[in-house]
Amino acid sequence: MALSLLTQDLAMDLGTANTIIMYNDKIVVDEPSIVAIDQNTGKTIAIGDTARRMHGKTHKNIKTVRPLKNGVIADFEAAEQMIRGMIRMIPSKSRFFTPSLRMVICIPSGSTEVEIRAVRDSADQAGSREVHLIHEPMAAALGIGVNVEAPEGNMVVDIGGGTTEIAIISLGGIVCNMSIRVAGDDFTSDIQQYMRHQHNIKVGEATAEEIKIRVGSALTDLENPPDDFVVRGPNLMTSLPIELSVNYEEIAHCLDKSLVKVEAAIMSVLEQAPPELYADIVKNGIFLTGGGALLKGLDKRLKEKINIDFKVPENPLLAVARGSGIAMKRLGKGVPYLFK
């Protein structure tokens, strides 16, 4: 008992868009991965949702930074401040001392040694004495209840903010995988460009994100179409305010180019699959996780293209975080998917 008071075990899904921290099987922090910094002093003034509300609305003395780009740390100092700040958000049992931290952190399966070291160093600087890493598709599989150690092939497609992770898993390891830098952020950027070129209206990142959530679609023909979404913003030519309705069909057209890249990557990984595992995947279906799994009609589009069932679990956004929490509980049991 004394040891558990002195050590705090945290599992962290350090994502491009959101960071989720699990402690004792509970989500204790779920915040956007963004930091607001005072330009004059270099100090962090807000983290997470508070900083997100400032994004795109700051003056020259404040800048908002997203420390992760394409799933990896792009700004080391901001990442360290963000991790430290989010750990502080966790409700603490003791106010007299800070327990030493053991952490399991998810990383993209295509991370280089330098990118892995950046994650490890950021966690060390934020006060962790022991850092274990797990690849995101493996964590996603654990989080949705797949028996990853079975001699059976399971395929996971995790579409996050910065990367789409595709992996075939068997016997506690990744047999073949691909990590592409086409994901939720690219969908948002596609919408911004489309609104600019097609409607001559300038929309910010937050508005484009809302369009994606409300009327984002992978198909031009949905069974239960969402209502049109009203967008307000300045006309690019006149700077006068304009208001227009956007429907899901036009958003499906504008996302098509990025979705074709995701389809090609899935096909590429399937081509590398050994025949026995391929047969398992056809039988079990392919699991779709991450925020991108919530895009309307995506599972249907992929099924039509690849001719294999695509399954979206409950709460696909939390799959990676839950899997990290499960991996943390198995720490010290010699599981092959955790590494230092």
Protein backbone atom coordinates (compact mmCIF):
# COMPACT_ATOMS: atom_id res chain seq x y z
CA MET A 1 0.00 0.00 0.00
CA ALA A 2 2.83 2.34 0.90
CA LEU A 3 4.37 1.69 -2.50
CA SER A 4 1.15 2.63 -4.32
CA LEU A 5 1.04 5.91 -2.40
CA LEU A 6 4.62 6.68 -3.43
CA THR A 7 4.12 5.69 -7.07
CA GLN A 8 1.43 6.83 -9.44
CA ASP A 9 0.82 4.71 -12.56
CA LEU A 10 -0.50 6.77 -15.47
CA ALA A 11 -1.34 5.76 -19.03
CA MET A 12 -1.24 8.56 -21.59
CA ASP A 13 -2.58 8.78 -25.11
CA LEU A 14 -0.47 11.70 -26.29
CA GLY A 15 -2.41 12.68 -29.40
CA THR A 16 -2.04 15.41 -32.01
CA ALA A 17 -5.60 16.64 -31.34
CA ASN A 18 -6.35 15.41 -27.78
CA THR A 19 -4.40 14.04 -24.84
CA ILE A 20 -6.12 11.54 -22.56
CA ILE A 21 -4.70 10.32 -19.23
CA MET A 22 -5.95 7.16 -17.54
CA TYR A 23 -5.44 6.47 -13.83
CA ASN A 24 -6.94 3.47 -11.98
CA ASP A 25 -9.06 2.51 -15.04
CA LYS A 26 -10.62 5.97 -15.14
CA ILE A 27 -10.13 8.82 -17.57
CA VAL A 28 -8.86 11.61 -15.34
CA VAL A 29 -7.79 14.07 -18.06
CA ASP A 30 -9.25 14.49 -21.56
CA GLU A 31 -8.08 17.78 -23.03
CA PRO A 32 -7.12 19.23 -26.43
CA SER A 33 -3.33 19.04 -27.04
CA ILE A 34 -2.72 22.78 -27.06
CA VAL A 35 -0.79 25.25 -24.94
CA ALA A 36 -1.05 29.05 -24.65
CA ILE A 37 2.27 30.79 -24.00
CA ASP A 38 3.07 34.35 -22.90
CA GLN A 39 5.50 35.65 -25.58
CA ASN A 40 7.18 38.09 -23.17
CA THR A 41 7.97 35.70 -20.32
CA GLY A 42 7.86 32.33 -22.14
CA LYS A 43 5.56 31.04 -19.38
CA THR A 44 2.58 28.78 -20.03
CA ILE A 45 -0.66 30.61 -19.25
CA ALA A 46 -3.22 27.96 -20.28
CA ILE A 47 -3.37 24.29 -21.24
CA GLY A 48 -6.00 22.13 -22.88
CA ASP A 49 -9.55 23.40 -23.32
CA THR A 50 -8.79 26.87 -21.92
CA ALA A 51 -5.95 27.26 -24.45
CA ARG A 52 -8.16 25.90 -27.26
CA ARG A 53 -10.73 28.61 -26.60
CA MET A 54 -7.94 31.18 -27.09
CA HIS A 55 -6.76 29.57 -30.37
CA GLY A 56 -7.16 31.96 -33.30
CA LYS A 57 -8.24 34.80 -30.97
CA THR A 58 -4.92 35.90 -29.42
CA HIS A 59 -3.01 39.19 -29.55
CA LYS A 60 0.73 39.46 -30.23
CA ASN A 61 1.77 38.80 -26.60
CA ILE A 62 0.09 35.37 -26.51
CA LYS A 63 0.65 32.48 -28.88
CA THR A 64 -1.13 29.15 -28.93
CA VAL A 65 0.98 26.11 -29.78
CA ARG A 66 0.02 22.55 -30.67
CA PRO A 67 3.17 20.73 -29.49
CA LEU A 68 2.44 17.60 -31.54
CA LYS A 69 2.40 17.44 -35.31
CA ASN A 70 1.62 14.26 -37.24
CA GLY A 71 1.52 12.30 -33.99
CA VAL A 72 5.05 13.27 -32.92
CA ILE A 73 6.52 16.04 -30.79
CA ALA A 74 7.26 19.13 -32.88
CA ASP A 75 7.86 21.57 -30.01
CA PHE A 76 9.81 19.91 -27.19
CA GLU A 77 9.42 22.68 -24.56
CA ALA A 78 5.70 23.16 -25.16
CA ALA A 79 5.16 19.36 -25.04
CA GLU A 80 6.96 19.14 -21.69
CA GLN A 81 4.87 22.03 -20.28
CA MET A 82 1.68 20.42 -21.59
CA ILE A 83 2.46 16.99 -20.09
CA ARG A 84 3.45 18.58 -16.77
CA GLY A 85 0.29 20.75 -16.72
CA MET A 86 -2.02 17.86 -17.56
CA ILE A 87 -0.47 15.66 -14.84
CA ARG A 88 -1.22 18.51 -12.40
CA MET A 89 -4.90 18.38 -13.46
CA ILE A 90 -5.21 14.86 -12.00
CA PRO A 91 -7.05 14.94 -8.65
CA SER A 92 -4.40 14.05 -6.05
CA LYS A 93 -4.98 12.03 -2.87
CA SER A 94 -2.09 13.69 -1.07
CA ARG A 95 -1.30 17.37 -0.99
CA PHE A 96 1.93 16.87 1.02
CA PHE A 97 4.15 15.22 -1.55
CA THR A 98 4.20 14.40 -5.25
CA PRO A 99 4.29 10.67 -5.97
CA SER A 100 6.88 9.43 -8.45
CA LEU A 101 5.35 8.57 -11.81
CA ARG A 102 5.41 5.44 -13.93
CA MET A 103 3.94 6.06 -17.35
CA VAL A 104 2.81 4.14 -20.41
CA ILE A 105 2.68 6.45 -23.45
CA CYS A 106 1.35 5.65 -26.94
CA ILE A 107 3.44 6.48 -29.99
CA PRO A 108 2.76 6.13 -33.74
CA SER A 109 3.96 2.80 -35.12
CA GLY A 110 6.11 4.61 -37.70
CA SER A 111 8.04 6.71 -35.11
CA THR A 112 11.78 7.10 -35.64
CA GLU A 113 14.36 6.69 -32.83
CA VAL A 114 14.64 10.49 -32.57
CA GLU A 115 10.86 10.90 -32.24
CA ILE A 116 10.70 8.12 -29.62
CA ARG A 117 13.49 9.80 -27.63
CA ALA A 118 11.62 13.14 -27.76
CA VAL A 119 8.54 11.52 -26.14
CA ARG A 120 10.66 9.78 -23.51
CA ASP A 121 12.64 12.94 -22.71
CA SER A 122 9.47 15.06 -22.44
CA ALA A 123 7.97 12.59 -19.97
CA ASP A 124 11.23 12.47 -17.97
CA GLN A 125 11.36 16.28 -17.81
CA ALA A 126 7.72 16.35 -16.68
CA GLY A 127 8.67 14.19 -13.66
CA SER A 128 8.26 10.57 -14.75
CA ARG A 129 10.87 8.20 -13.34
CA GLU A 130 9.88 5.27 -15.57
CA VAL A 131 8.49 5.49 -19.10
CA HIS A 132 7.18 2.56 -21.13
CA LEU A 133 5.97 2.92 -24.70
CA ILE A 134 3.33 1.15 -26.76
CA HIS A 135 2.44 1.52 -30.42
CA GLU A 136 -0.94 3.16 -31.05
CA PRO A 137 -2.58 0.40 -33.15
CA MET A 138 -1.61 -2.17 -30.49
CA ALA A 139 -3.12 0.03 -27.76
CA ALA A 140 -6.27 0.53 -29.88
CA ALA A 141 -6.65 -3.26 -30.29
CA LEU A 142 -6.25 -3.78 -26.52
CA GLY A 143 -8.73 -0.97 -25.83
CA ILE A 144 -11.52 -2.53 -27.91
CA GLY A 145 -11.09 -5.94 -26.29
CA VAL A 146 -9.11 -7.82 -28.96
CA ASN A 147 -7.05 -10.71 -27.58
CA VAL A 148 -3.76 -9.47 -29.07
CA GLU A 149 -1.72 -12.40 -27.76
CA ALA A 150 -3.83 -15.04 -29.56
CA PRO A 151 -2.35 -16.83 -32.61
CA GLU A 152 -4.87 -15.05 -34.80
CA GLY A 153 -4.73 -12.10 -37.18
CA ASN A 154 -6.56 -8.89 -36.26
CA MET A 155 -6.35 -5.65 -38.20
CA VAL A 156 -6.78 -2.17 -36.75
CA VAL A 157 -7.10 1.14 -38.59
CA ASP A 158 -6.69 4.02 -36.11
CA ILE A 159 -7.43 7.42 -37.67
CA GLY A 160 -6.22 10.06 -35.24
CA GLY A 161 -5.56 13.78 -35.62
CA GLY A 162 -2.09 13.62 -37.15
CA THR A 163 -1.62 10.05 -38.38
CA THR A 164 -3.58 7.06 -39.61
CA GLU A 165 -2.13 3.90 -38.09
CA ILE A 166 -2.79 0.61 -39.83
CA ALA A 167 -1.52 -2.65 -38.35
CA ILE A 168 -2.04 -6.39 -38.46
CA ILE A 169 -1.55 -7.89 -35.01
CA SER A 170 -0.90 -11.50 -33.96
CA LEU A 171 0.79 -13.19 -30.96
CA GLY A 172 1.29 -9.90 -29.10
CA GLY A 173 3.23 -8.24 -31.91
CA ILE A 174 2.73 -6.18 -35.05
CA VAL A 175 3.17 -8.38 -38.15
CA CYS A 176 2.95 -5.59 -40.72
CA ASN A 177 1.98 -1.97 -40.42
CA MET A 178 1.90 1.44 -42.04
CA SER A 179 1.71 4.90 -40.52
CA ILE A 180 0.59 7.65 -42.91
CA ARG A 181 0.40 11.34 -42.18
CA VAL A 182 -3.10 11.74 -43.54
CA ALA A 183 -5.72 11.97 -40.79
CA GLY A 184 -8.22 14.24 -39.02
CA ASP A 185 -6.11 17.41 -39.31
CA ASP A 186 -5.86 16.89 -43.08
CA PHE A 187 -9.63 16.50 -43.31
CA THR A 188 -10.01 19.82 -41.46
CA SER A 189 -7.47 21.48 -43.78
CA ASP A 190 -9.28 20.06 -46.85
CA ILE A 191 -12.51 21.68 -45.63
CA GLN A 192 -10.78 25.06 -45.11
CA GLN A 193 -9.37 24.98 -48.64
CA TYR A 194 -12.68 23.87 -50.13
CA MET A 195 -14.58 26.71 -48.42
CA ARG A 196 -11.99 29.18 -49.71
CA HIS A 197 -11.96 27.96 -53.33
CA GLN A 198 -15.57 26.92 -53.75
CA HIS A 199 -17.43 29.50 -51.66
CA ASN A 200 -14.91 32.35 -51.37
CA ILE A 201 -15.25 32.29 -47.59
CA LYS A 202 -12.44 32.22 -45.07
CA VAL A 203 -13.01 29.84 -42.16
CA GLY A 204 -10.70 29.18 -39.21
CA GLU A 205 -9.51 25.81 -37.96
CA ALA A 206 -12.19 25.61 -35.23
CA THR A 207 -15.03 26.30 -37.70
CA ALA A 208 -13.66 23.76 -40.20
CA GLU A 209 -13.45 21.22 -37.36
CA GLU A 210 -17.10 21.89 -36.50
CA ILE A 211 -18.14 21.48 -40.16
CA LYS A 212 -16.30 18.12 -40.16
CA ILE A 213 -18.11 16.96 -37.00
CA ARG A 214 -21.58 18.16 -38.05
CA VAL A 215 -21.68 17.38 -41.79
CA GLY A 216 -18.44 15.51 -42.46
CA SER A 217 -19.10 12.43 -44.57
CA ALA A 218 -17.21 9.79 -46.53
CA LEU A 219 -20.18 9.09 -48.83
CA THR A 220 -22.28 11.36 -51.04
CA ASP A 221 -25.35 9.23 -50.26
CA LEU A 222 -26.14 8.61 -46.59
CA GLU A 223 -29.16 6.76 -45.20
CA ASN A 224 -29.62 9.28 -42.36
CA PRO A 225 -28.24 12.55 -43.72
CA PRO A 226 -27.37 15.28 -41.21
CA ASP A 227 -28.96 18.73 -41.43
CA ASP A 228 -27.07 21.37 -43.40
CA PHE A 229 -24.66 23.45 -41.36
CA VAL A 230 -24.70 27.25 -41.51
CA VAL A 231 -21.27 28.87 -41.86
CA ARG A 232 -20.56 32.54 -41.28
CA GLY A 233 -17.37 34.35 -42.21
CA PRO A 234 -15.74 37.06 -44.33
CA ASN A 235 -15.93 37.05 -48.12
CA LEU A 236 -12.35 36.74 -49.41
CA MET A 237 -12.89 39.36 -52.12
CA THR A 238 -14.90 42.02 -50.29
CA SER A 239 -14.25 41.19 -46.59
CA LEU A 240 -17.99 41.63 -46.04
CA PRO A 241 -19.75 39.02 -43.88
CA ILE A 242 -21.48 36.16 -45.66
CA GLU A 243 -23.61 33.28 -44.46
CA LEU A 244 -24.12 30.00 -46.32
CA SER A 245 -25.36 26.46 -45.79
CA VAL A 246 -23.00 23.53 -46.27
CA ASN A 247 -24.31 20.01 -46.87
CA TYR A 248 -22.69 16.63 -46.30
CA GLU A 249 -22.50 15.80 -50.03
CA GLU A 250 -20.09 18.62 -50.82
CA ILE A 251 -17.95 17.78 -47.79
CA ALA A 252 -17.80 14.15 -48.98
CA HIS A 253 -16.47 15.43 -52.34
CA CYS A 254 -13.86 17.63 -50.67
CA LEU A 255 -12.59 14.82 -48.39
CA ASP A 256 -12.39 12.28 -51.21
CA LYS A 257 -8.73 12.90 -52.09
CA SER A 258 -7.52 12.28 -48.51
CA LEU A 259 -9.78 9.24 -48.05
CA VAL A 260 -8.38 7.66 -51.24
CA LYS A 261 -4.90 7.85 -49.62
CA VAL A 262 -6.23 6.08 -46.49
CA GLU A 263 -7.81 3.36 -48.68
CA ALA A 264 -4.52 2.87 -50.58
CA ALA A 265 -2.61 2.47 -47.30
CA ILE A 266 -5.09 -0.13 -46.00
CA MET A 267 -4.76 -2.07 -49.28
CA SER A 268 -0.96 -1.86 -49.05
CA VAL A 269 -0.92 -3.42 -45.55
CA LEU A 270 -3.39 -6.13 -46.61
CA GLU A 271 -1.08 -7.02 -49.52
CA GLN A 272 1.75 -7.67 -47.02
CA ALA A 273 -0.40 -9.95 -44.82
CA PRO A 274 0.57 -13.65 -44.71
CA PRO A 275 -2.26 -15.79 -46.20
CA GLU A 276 -3.29 -17.39 -42.87
CA LEU A 277 -3.63 -14.02 -41.17
CA TYR A 278 -5.45 -12.60 -44.20
CA ALA A 279 -8.08 -15.35 -43.80
CA ASP A 280 -8.50 -14.38 -40.10
CA ILE A 281 -8.97 -10.71 -41.02
CA VAL A 282 -11.67 -11.53 -43.58
CA LYS A 283 -13.44 -13.60 -40.88
CA ASN A 284 -13.02 -11.08 -38.01
CA GLY A 285 -13.41 -7.85 -39.98
CA ILE A 286 -11.22 -4.74 -39.66
CA PHE A 287 -11.55 -2.52 -36.57
CA LEU A 288 -11.85 1.21 -37.14
CA THR A 289 -10.82 3.42 -34.19
CA GLY A 290 -9.78 7.01 -33.46
CA GLY A 291 -11.70 10.24 -34.10
CA GLY A 292 -11.71 9.57 -37.85
CA ALA A 293 -13.87 6.48 -37.27
CA LEU A 294 -16.72 8.88 -36.41
CA LEU A 295 -16.78 10.28 -39.97
CA LYS A 296 -20.26 9.45 -41.27
CA GLY A 297 -20.36 6.57 -43.74
CA LEU A 298 -16.63 5.80 -43.55
CA ASP A 299 -17.08 2.15 -42.51
CA LYS A 300 -19.56 1.62 -45.37
CA ARG A 301 -17.28 3.28 -47.93
CA LEU A 302 -14.28 1.16 -46.88
CA LYS A 303 -16.35 -2.02 -46.95
CA GLU A 304 -17.53 -1.25 -50.50
CA LYS A 305 -13.96 -0.59 -51.60
CA ILE A 306 -12.12 -3.44 -49.84
CA ASN A 307 -14.92 -6.04 -49.53
CA ILE A 308 -14.17 -6.79 -45.86
CA ASP A 309 -16.42 -5.78 -42.94
CA PHE A 310 -15.30 -2.66 -41.05
CA LYS A 311 -16.37 -2.50 -37.40
CA VAL A 312 -16.58 0.72 -35.39
CA PRO A 313 -16.49 -0.03 -31.63
CA GLU A 314 -18.30 1.99 -29.00
CA ASN A 315 -16.35 5.16 -28.18
CA PRO A 316 -13.63 4.75 -30.87
CA LEU A 317 -12.02 8.00 -29.63
CA LEU A 318 -11.09 6.38 -26.31
CA ALA A 319 -9.81 3.04 -27.66
CA VAL A 320 -6.10 3.98 -27.58
CA ALA A 321 -6.31 5.50 -24.09
CA ARG A 322 -8.17 2.47 -22.71
CA GLY A 323 -5.61 0.14 -24.29
CA SER A 324 -2.77 2.09 -22.67
CA GLY A 325 -4.49 1.67 -19.31
CA ILE A 326 -4.78 -2.11 -19.87
CA ALA A 327 -1.10 -2.25 -20.90
CA MET A 328 -0.14 -0.36 -17.71
CA LYS A 329 -1.87 -3.04 -15.59
CA ARG A 330 0.17 -5.73 -17.37
CA LEU A 331 3.46 -3.95 -16.73
CA GLY A 332 6.04 -6.33 -15.31
CA LYS A 333 4.31 -9.42 -16.75
CA GLY A 334 6.69 -9.58 -19.71
CA VAL A 335 4.15 -8.61 -22.36
CA PRO A 336 5.85 -8.21 -25.75
CA TYR A 337 4.09 -5.02 -26.84
CA LEU A 338 5.49 -2.74 -24.08
CA PHE A 339 8.99 -1.42 -24.55
CA LYS A 340 11.27 1.18 -22.96
